[in-house]
Amino acid sequence: MKAKTSSDLTYDLSVGFGENELTYFLNNTVNTGLVDNGQPGQRDFDMGGYEQEELNFNADLSIPLADDIFLGFGA
C-alpha cells in the first residue's frame, strides 16, 4: 500500500511471504564403511533436506524538508 498524507508524508507498506523446500537423495553409491563380506550393502541413502519459510513486513516513509531534500526512514 503506497500513499501520501495531507502533510506530504509518503509511506509505502508491504508484506511478503516465501518458502523453499529441498530434499537430498543419494543412490547407487558405495560406502566403504558398509561393505559386508565383499558386498556393497546399502547403496541408496535419504540424506534429508530442509524447508524454509519467511514472512517479511516493510515500512518506508519519507517527508520533504525542502524542495529537493527529503528525510527518509523505515523499518
PDB file of N, CA and C in Angstrom:
ATOM      1  N   MET A   1       0.848  -1.159   0.000  1.00  0.00           N
ATOM      2  CA  MET A   1       0.000   0.000   0.000  1.00  0.00           C
ATOM      3  C   MET A   1       0.902   1.232   0.000  1.00  0.00           C
ATOM      4  N   LYS A   2       0.756   2.070  -0.982  1.00  0.00           N
ATOM      5  CA  LYS A   2       1.566   3.273  -1.122  1.00  0.00           C
ATOM      6  C   LYS A   2       0.621   4.472  -1.153  1.00  0.00           C
ATOM      7  N   ALA A   3       0.935   5.493  -0.343  1.00  0.00           N
ATOM      8  CA  ALA A   3       0.048   6.663  -0.290  1.00  0.00           C
ATOM      9  C   ALA A   3       0.817   7.875   0.222  1.00  0.00           C
ATOM     10  N   LYS A   4       0.128   9.018   0.217  1.00  0.00           N
ATOM     11  CA  LYS A   4       0.700  10.283   0.663  1.00  0.00           C
ATOM     12  C   LYS A   4      -0.341  10.968   1.541  1.00  0.00           C
ATOM     13  N   THR A   5       0.095  11.464   2.695  1.00  0.00           N
ATOM     14  CA  THR A   5      -0.820  12.143   3.603  1.00  0.00           C
ATOM     15  C   THR A   5      -0.937  13.619   3.238  1.00  0.00           C
ATOM     16  N   SER A   6      -1.853  14.317   3.892  1.00  0.00           N
ATOM     17  CA  SER A   6      -2.046  15.743   3.627  1.00  0.00           C
ATOM     18  C   SER A   6      -0.837  16.581   4.059  1.00  0.00           C
ATOM     19  N   SER A   7       0.010  16.052   4.955  1.00  0.00           N
ATOM     20  CA  SER A   7       1.219  16.770   5.382  1.00  0.00           C
ATOM     21  C   SER A   7       2.437  16.380   4.540  1.00  0.00           C
ATOM     22  N   ASP A   8       2.206  15.795   3.343  1.00  0.00           N
ATOM     23  CA  ASP A   8       3.245  15.384   2.390  1.00  0.00           C
ATOM     24  C   ASP A   8       4.119  14.223   2.872  1.00  0.00           C
ATOM     25  N   LEU A   9       3.716  13.535   3.909  1.00  0.00           N
ATOM     26  CA  LEU A   9       4.421  12.321   4.333  1.00  0.00           C
ATOM     27  C   LEU A   9       4.031  11.209   3.364  1.00  0.00           C
ATOM     28  N   THR A  10       5.016  10.610   2.710  1.00  0.00           N
ATOM     29  CA  THR A  10       4.786   9.497   1.789  1.00  0.00           C
ATOM     30  C   THR A  10       5.141   8.200   2.500  1.00  0.00           C
ATOM     31  N   TYR A  11       4.280   7.213   2.387  1.00  0.00           N
ATOM     32  CA  TYR A  11       4.571   5.924   3.018  1.00  0.00           C
ATOM     33  C   TYR A  11       4.266   4.785   2.056  1.00  0.00           C
ATOM     34  N   ASP A  12       5.011   3.714   2.260  1.00  0.00           N
ATOM     35  CA  ASP A  12       4.858   2.501   1.456  1.00  0.00           C
ATOM     36  C   ASP A  12       4.942   1.320   2.416  1.00  0.00           C
ATOM     37  N   LEU A  13       3.852   0.596   2.584  1.00  0.00           N
ATOM     38  CA  LEU A  13       3.791  -0.549   3.488  1.00  0.00           C
ATOM     39  C   LEU A  13       3.622  -1.821   2.664  1.00  0.00           C
ATOM     40  N   SER A  14       4.340  -2.867   3.047  1.00  0.00           N
ATOM     41  CA  SER A  14       4.228  -4.118   2.298  1.00  0.00           C
ATOM     42  C   SER A  14       4.451  -5.323   3.201  1.00  0.00           C
ATOM     43  N   VAL A  15       3.931  -6.449   2.756  1.00  0.00           N
ATOM     44  CA  VAL A  15       4.097  -7.740   3.421  1.00  0.00           C
ATOM     45  C   VAL A  15       4.460  -8.750   2.339  1.00  0.00           C
ATOM     46  N   GLY A  16       5.433  -9.599   2.644  1.00  0.00           N
ATOM     47  CA  GLY A  16       5.838 -10.631   1.688  1.00  0.00           C
ATOM     48  C   GLY A  16       5.999 -11.979   2.372  1.00  0.00           C
ATOM     49  N   PHE A  17       5.677 -13.036   1.639  1.00  0.00           N
ATOM     50  CA  PHE A  17       5.834 -14.395   2.166  1.00  0.00           C
ATOM     51  C   PHE A  17       6.484 -15.259   1.096  1.00  0.00           C
ATOM     52  N   GLY A  18       7.411 -16.108   1.515  1.00  0.00           N
ATOM     53  CA  GLY A  18       8.059 -17.025   0.584  1.00  0.00           C
ATOM     54  C   GLY A  18       8.447 -18.309   1.289  1.00  0.00           C
ATOM     55  N   GLU A  19       8.600 -19.360   0.506  1.00  0.00           N
ATOM     56  CA  GLU A  19       9.027 -20.637   1.083  1.00  0.00           C
ATOM     57  C   GLU A  19       9.830 -21.436   0.064  1.00  0.00           C
ATOM     58  N   ASN A  20      10.745 -22.245   0.571  1.00  0.00           N
ATOM     59  CA  ASN A  20      11.569 -23.140  -0.236  1.00  0.00           C
ATOM     60  C   ASN A  20      11.637 -24.493   0.453  1.00  0.00           C
ATOM     61  N   GLU A  21      11.751 -25.525  -0.340  1.00  0.00           N
ATOM     62  CA  GLU A  21      11.925 -26.869   0.204  1.00  0.00           C
ATOM     63  C   GLU A  21      12.909 -27.617  -0.685  1.00  0.00           C
ATOM     64  N   LEU A  22      13.824 -28.353  -0.066  1.00  0.00           N
ATOM     65  CA  LEU A  22      14.819 -29.113  -0.808  1.00  0.00           C
ATOM     66  C   LEU A  22      15.040 -30.441  -0.101  1.00  0.00           C
ATOM     67  N   THR A  23      15.056 -31.540  -0.874  1.00  0.00           N
ATOM     68  CA  THR A  23      15.338 -32.857  -0.313  1.00  0.00           C
ATOM     69  C   THR A  23      16.558 -33.440  -1.040  1.00  0.00           C
ATOM     70  N   TYR A  24      17.338 -34.195  -0.298  1.00  0.00           N
ATOM     71  CA  TYR A  24      18.534 -34.840  -0.847  1.00  0.00           C
ATOM     72  C   TYR A  24      18.332 -36.345  -0.847  1.00  0.00           C
ATOM     73  N   PHE A  25      18.690 -36.993  -1.943  1.00  0.00           N
ATOM     74  CA  PHE A  25      18.663 -38.445  -2.017  1.00  0.00           C
ATOM     75  C   PHE A  25      19.899 -38.888  -2.789  1.00  0.00           C
ATOM     76  N   LEU A  26      20.640 -39.802  -2.241  1.00  0.00           N
ATOM     77  CA  LEU A  26      21.861 -40.310  -2.851  1.00  0.00           C
ATOM     78  C   LEU A  26      21.627 -41.768  -3.224  1.00  0.00           C
ATOM     79  N   ASN A  27      21.802 -42.124  -4.519  1.00  0.00           N
ATOM     80  CA  ASN A  27      21.561 -43.518  -4.892  1.00  0.00           C
ATOM     81  C   ASN A  27      22.723 -44.069  -5.703  1.00  0.00           C
ATOM     82  N   ASN A  28      22.808 -45.393  -5.694  1.00  0.00           N
ATOM     83  CA  ASN A  28      23.816 -46.147  -6.428  1.00  0.00           C
ATOM     84  C   ASN A  28      25.238 -45.709  -6.050  1.00  0.00           C
ATOM     85  N   THR A  29      25.499 -45.640  -4.752  1.00  0.00           N
ATOM     86  CA  THR A  29      26.824 -45.285  -4.256  1.00  0.00           C
ATOM     87  C   THR A  29      27.310 -46.396  -3.327  1.00  0.00           C
ATOM     88  N   VAL A  30      28.599 -46.432  -3.090  1.00  0.00           N
ATOM     89  CA  VAL A  30      29.167 -47.441  -2.199  1.00  0.00           C
ATOM     90  C   VAL A  30      29.863 -46.726  -1.052  1.00  0.00           C
ATOM     91  N   ASN A  31      29.432 -47.042   0.163  1.00  0.00           N
ATOM     92  CA  ASN A  31      30.077 -46.537   1.364  1.00  0.00           C
ATOM     93  C   ASN A  31      30.985 -47.647   1.877  1.00  0.00           C
ATOM     94  N   THR A  32      32.292 -47.425   1.863  1.00  0.00           N
ATOM     95  CA  THR A  32      33.246 -48.485   2.238  1.00  0.00           C
ATOM     96  C   THR A  32      33.043 -48.942   3.679  1.00  0.00           C
ATOM     97  N   GLY A  33      32.475 -48.104   4.511  1.00  0.00           N
ATOM     98  CA  GLY A  33      32.206 -48.496   5.894  1.00  0.00           C
ATOM     99  C   GLY A  33      31.058 -49.486   6.014  1.00  0.00           C
ATOM    100  N   LEU A  34      30.277 -49.649   4.948  1.00  0.00           N
ATOM    101  CA  LEU A  34      29.136 -50.558   4.988  1.00  0.00           C
ATOM    102  C   LEU A  34      29.343 -51.822   4.157  1.00  0.00           C
ATOM    103  N   VAL A  35      30.563 -52.064   3.656  1.00  0.00           N
ATOM    104  CA  VAL A  35      30.847 -53.274   2.878  1.00  0.00           C
ATOM    105  C   VAL A  35      30.802 -54.475   3.818  1.00  0.00           C
ATOM    106  N   ASP A  36      30.044 -55.509   3.410  1.00  0.00           N
ATOM    107  CA  ASP A  36      29.866 -56.696   4.245  1.00  0.00           C
ATOM    108  C   ASP A  36      30.213 -57.932   3.421  1.00  0.00           C
ATOM    109  N   ASN A  37      31.284 -58.628   3.758  1.00  0.00           N
ATOM    110  CA  ASN A  37      31.743 -59.825   3.050  1.00  0.00           C
ATOM    111  C   ASN A  37      31.935 -59.555   1.560  1.00  0.00           C
ATOM    112  N   GLY A  38      32.495 -58.431   1.208  1.00  0.00           N
ATOM    113  CA  GLY A  38      32.767 -58.099  -0.179  1.00  0.00           C
ATOM    114  C   GLY A  38      31.568 -57.561  -0.939  1.00  0.00           C
ATOM    115  N   GLN A  39      30.403 -57.506  -0.307  1.00  0.00           N
ATOM    116  CA  GLN A  39      29.191 -56.972  -0.935  1.00  0.00           C
ATOM    117  C   GLN A  39      28.995 -55.517  -0.487  1.00  0.00           C
ATOM    118  N   PRO A  40      28.533 -54.669  -1.396  1.00  0.00           N
ATOM    119  CA  PRO A  40      28.446 -53.242  -1.058  1.00  0.00           C
ATOM    120  C   PRO A  40      27.405 -52.898  -0.002  1.00  0.00           C
ATOM    121  N   GLY A  41      26.443 -53.766   0.266  1.00  0.00           N
ATOM    122  CA  GLY A  41      25.430 -53.455   1.277  1.00  0.00           C
ATOM    123  C   GLY A  41      24.495 -52.353   0.785  1.00  0.00           C
ATOM    124  N   GLN A  42      24.151 -51.472   1.681  1.00  0.00           N
ATOM    125  CA  GLN A  42      23.216 -50.401   1.334  1.00  0.00           C
ATOM    126  C   GLN A  42      23.845 -49.457   0.308  1.00  0.00           C
ATOM    127  N   ARG A  43      23.109 -49.150  -0.756  1.00  0.00           N
ATOM    128  CA  ARG A  43      23.626 -48.284  -1.822  1.00  0.00           C
ATOM    129  C   ARG A  43      22.812 -47.004  -2.006  1.00  0.00           C
ATOM    130  N   ASP A  44      21.627 -46.936  -1.406  1.00  0.00           N
ATOM    131  CA  ASP A  44      20.771 -45.751  -1.526  1.00  0.00           C
ATOM    132  C   ASP A  44      20.563 -45.126  -0.152  1.00  0.00           C
ATOM    133  N   PHE A  45      20.624 -43.798  -0.090  1.00  0.00           N
ATOM    134  CA  PHE A  45      20.539 -43.102   1.180  1.00  0.00           C
ATOM    135  C   PHE A  45      19.622 -41.880   1.049  1.00  0.00           C
ATOM    136  N   ASP A  46      18.746 -41.710   2.026  1.00  0.00           N
ATOM    137  CA  ASP A  46      17.942 -40.496   2.138  1.00  0.00           C
ATOM    138  C   ASP A  46      18.749 -39.534   3.011  1.00  0.00           C
ATOM    139  N   MET A  47      19.296 -38.485   2.401  1.00  0.00           N
ATOM    140  CA  MET A  47      20.195 -37.572   3.097  1.00  0.00           C
ATOM    141  C   MET A  47      19.450 -36.493   3.890  1.00  0.00           C
ATOM    142  N   GLY A  48      18.142 -36.438   3.753  1.00  0.00           N
ATOM    143  CA  GLY A  48      17.364 -35.430   4.475  1.00  0.00           C
ATOM    144  C   GLY A  48      17.048 -34.247   3.591  1.00  0.00           C
ATOM    145  N   GLY A  49      16.918 -33.097   4.189  1.00  0.00           N
ATOM    146  CA  GLY A  49      16.599 -31.889   3.439  1.00  0.00           C
ATOM    147  C   GLY A  49      16.282 -30.751   4.379  1.00  0.00           C
ATOM    148  N   TYR A  50      15.694 -29.711   3.827  1.00  0.00           N
ATOM    149  CA  TYR A  50      15.287 -28.587   4.663  1.00  0.00           C
ATOM    150  C   TYR A  50      14.086 -27.886   4.050  1.00  0.00           C
ATOM    151  N   GLU A  51      13.405 -27.150   4.896  1.00  0.00           N
ATOM    152  CA  GLU A  51      12.276 -26.331   4.468  1.00  0.00           C
ATOM    153  C   GLU A  51      12.429 -24.970   5.148  1.00  0.00           C
ATOM    154  N   GLN A  52      12.240 -23.912   4.395  1.00  0.00           N
ATOM    155  CA  GLN A  52      12.409 -22.561   4.916  1.00  0.00           C
ATOM    156  C   GLN A  52      11.186 -21.726   4.549  1.00  0.00           C
ATOM    157  N   GLU A  53      10.673 -20.987   5.525  1.00  0.00           N
ATOM    158  CA  GLU A  53       9.569 -20.062   5.290  1.00  0.00           C
ATOM    159  C   GLU A  53       9.967 -18.691   5.818  1.00  0.00           C
ATOM    160  N   GLU A  54       9.588 -17.640   5.119  1.00  0.00           N
ATOM    161  CA  GLU A  54       9.883 -16.273   5.544  1.00  0.00           C
ATOM    162  C   GLU A  54       8.638 -15.412   5.412  1.00  0.00           C
ATOM    163  N   LEU A  55       8.420 -14.572   6.409  1.00  0.00           N
ATOM    164  CA  LEU A  55       7.349 -13.594   6.397  1.00  0.00           C
ATOM    165  C   LEU A  55       7.993 -12.246   6.687  1.00  0.00           C
ATOM    166  N   ASN A  56       7.889 -11.308   5.759  1.00  0.00           N
ATOM    167  CA  ASN A  56       8.553 -10.007   5.880  1.00  0.00           C
ATOM    168  C   ASN A  56       7.528  -8.880   5.916  1.00  0.00           C
ATOM    169  N   PHE A  57       7.729  -7.957   6.829  1.00  0.00           N
ATOM    170  CA  PHE A  57       6.939  -6.737   6.918  1.00  0.00           C
ATOM    171  C   PHE A  57       7.867  -5.565   6.639  1.00  0.00           C
ATOM    172  N   ASN A  58       7.414  -4.590   5.868  1.00  0.00           N
ATOM    173  CA  ASN A  58       8.257  -3.462   5.493  1.00  0.00           C
ATOM    174  C   ASN A  58       7.456  -2.165   5.560  1.00  0.00           C
ATOM    175  N   ALA A  59       8.106  -1.096   6.060  1.00  0.00           N
ATOM    176  CA  ALA A  59       7.506   0.239   6.081  1.00  0.00           C
ATOM    177  C   ALA A  59       8.571   1.236   5.656  1.00  0.00           C
ATOM    178  N   ASP A  60       8.324   1.974   4.583  1.00  0.00           N
ATOM    179  CA  ASP A  60       9.216   3.026   4.104  1.00  0.00           C
ATOM    180  C   ASP A  60       8.455   4.346   4.162  1.00  0.00           C
ATOM    181  N   LEU A  61       9.071   5.353   4.778  1.00  0.00           N
ATOM    182  CA  LEU A  61       8.431   6.656   4.920  1.00  0.00           C
ATOM    183  C   LEU A  61       9.396   7.745   4.478  1.00  0.00           C
ATOM    184  N   SER A  62       8.860   8.822   3.945  1.00  0.00           N
ATOM    185  CA  SER A  62       9.696   9.977   3.579  1.00  0.00           C
ATOM    186  C   SER A  62       8.847  11.245   3.678  1.00  0.00           C
ATOM    187  N   ILE A  63       9.543  12.329   4.004  1.00  0.00           N
ATOM    188  CA  ILE A  63       8.881  13.622   4.123  1.00  0.00           C
ATOM    189  C   ILE A  63       9.824  14.685   3.562  1.00  0.00           C
ATOM    190  N   PRO A  64       9.311  15.634   2.798  1.00  0.00           N
ATOM    191  CA  PRO A  64      10.181  16.672   2.239  1.00  0.00           C
ATOM    192  C   PRO A  64      10.578  17.695   3.316  1.00  0.00           C
ATOM    193  N   LEU A  65      11.876  18.033   3.354  1.00  0.00           N
ATOM    194  CA  LEU A  65      12.362  19.075   4.249  1.00  0.00           C
ATOM    195  C   LEU A  65      12.531  20.386   3.493  1.00  0.00           C
ATOM    196  N   ALA A  66      12.807  20.303   2.207  1.00  0.00           N
ATOM    197  CA  ALA A  66      12.930  21.457   1.316  1.00  0.00           C
ATOM    198  C   ALA A  66      12.522  20.971  -0.078  1.00  0.00           C
ATOM    199  N   ASP A  67      12.668  21.813  -1.101  1.00  0.00           N
ATOM    200  CA  ASP A  67      12.236  21.446  -2.451  1.00  0.00           C
ATOM    201  C   ASP A  67      12.945  20.208  -2.980  1.00  0.00           C
ATOM    202  N   ASP A  68      14.202  20.054  -2.684  1.00  0.00           N
ATOM    203  CA  ASP A  68      14.965  18.908  -3.205  1.00  0.00           C
ATOM    204  C   ASP A  68      15.673  18.113  -2.094  1.00  0.00           C
ATOM    205  N   ILE A  69      15.198  18.231  -0.866  1.00  0.00           N
ATOM    206  CA  ILE A  69      15.766  17.482   0.261  1.00  0.00           C
ATOM    207  C   ILE A  69      14.638  16.724   0.958  1.00  0.00           C
ATOM    208  N   PHE A  70      14.831  15.403   1.083  1.00  0.00           N
ATOM    209  CA  PHE A  70      13.837  14.554   1.730  1.00  0.00           C
ATOM    210  C   PHE A  70      14.474  13.823   2.902  1.00  0.00           C
ATOM    211  N   LEU A  71      13.693  13.577   3.930  1.00  0.00           N
ATOM    212  CA  LEU A  71      14.099  12.741   5.043  1.00  0.00           C
ATOM    213  C   LEU A  71      13.379  11.414   4.869  1.00  0.00           C
ATOM    214  N   GLY A  72      14.145  10.333   4.782  1.00  0.00           N
ATOM    215  CA  GLY A  72      13.571   9.019   4.592  1.00  0.00           C
ATOM    216  C   GLY A  72      13.926   8.110   5.756  1.00  0.00           C
ATOM    217  N   PHE A  73      12.997   7.236   6.139  1.00  0.00           N
ATOM    218  CA  PHE A  73      13.226   6.281   7.214  1.00  0.00           C
ATOM    219  C   PHE A  73      12.299   5.098   7.024  1.00  0.00           C
ATOM    220  N   GLY A  74      12.607   4.028   7.701  1.00  0.00           N
ATOM    221  CA  GLY A  74      11.784   2.828   7.526  1.00  0.00           C
ATOM    222  C   GLY A  74      12.122   1.757   8.535  1.00  0.00           C
ATOM    223  N   ALA A  75      11.369   0.703   8.456  1.00  0.00           N
ATOM    224  CA  ALA A  75      11.585  -0.449   9.346  1.00  0.00           C
ATOM    225  C   ALA A  75      11.164  -1.708   8.605  1.00  0.00           C
TER     226      ALA A  75
END
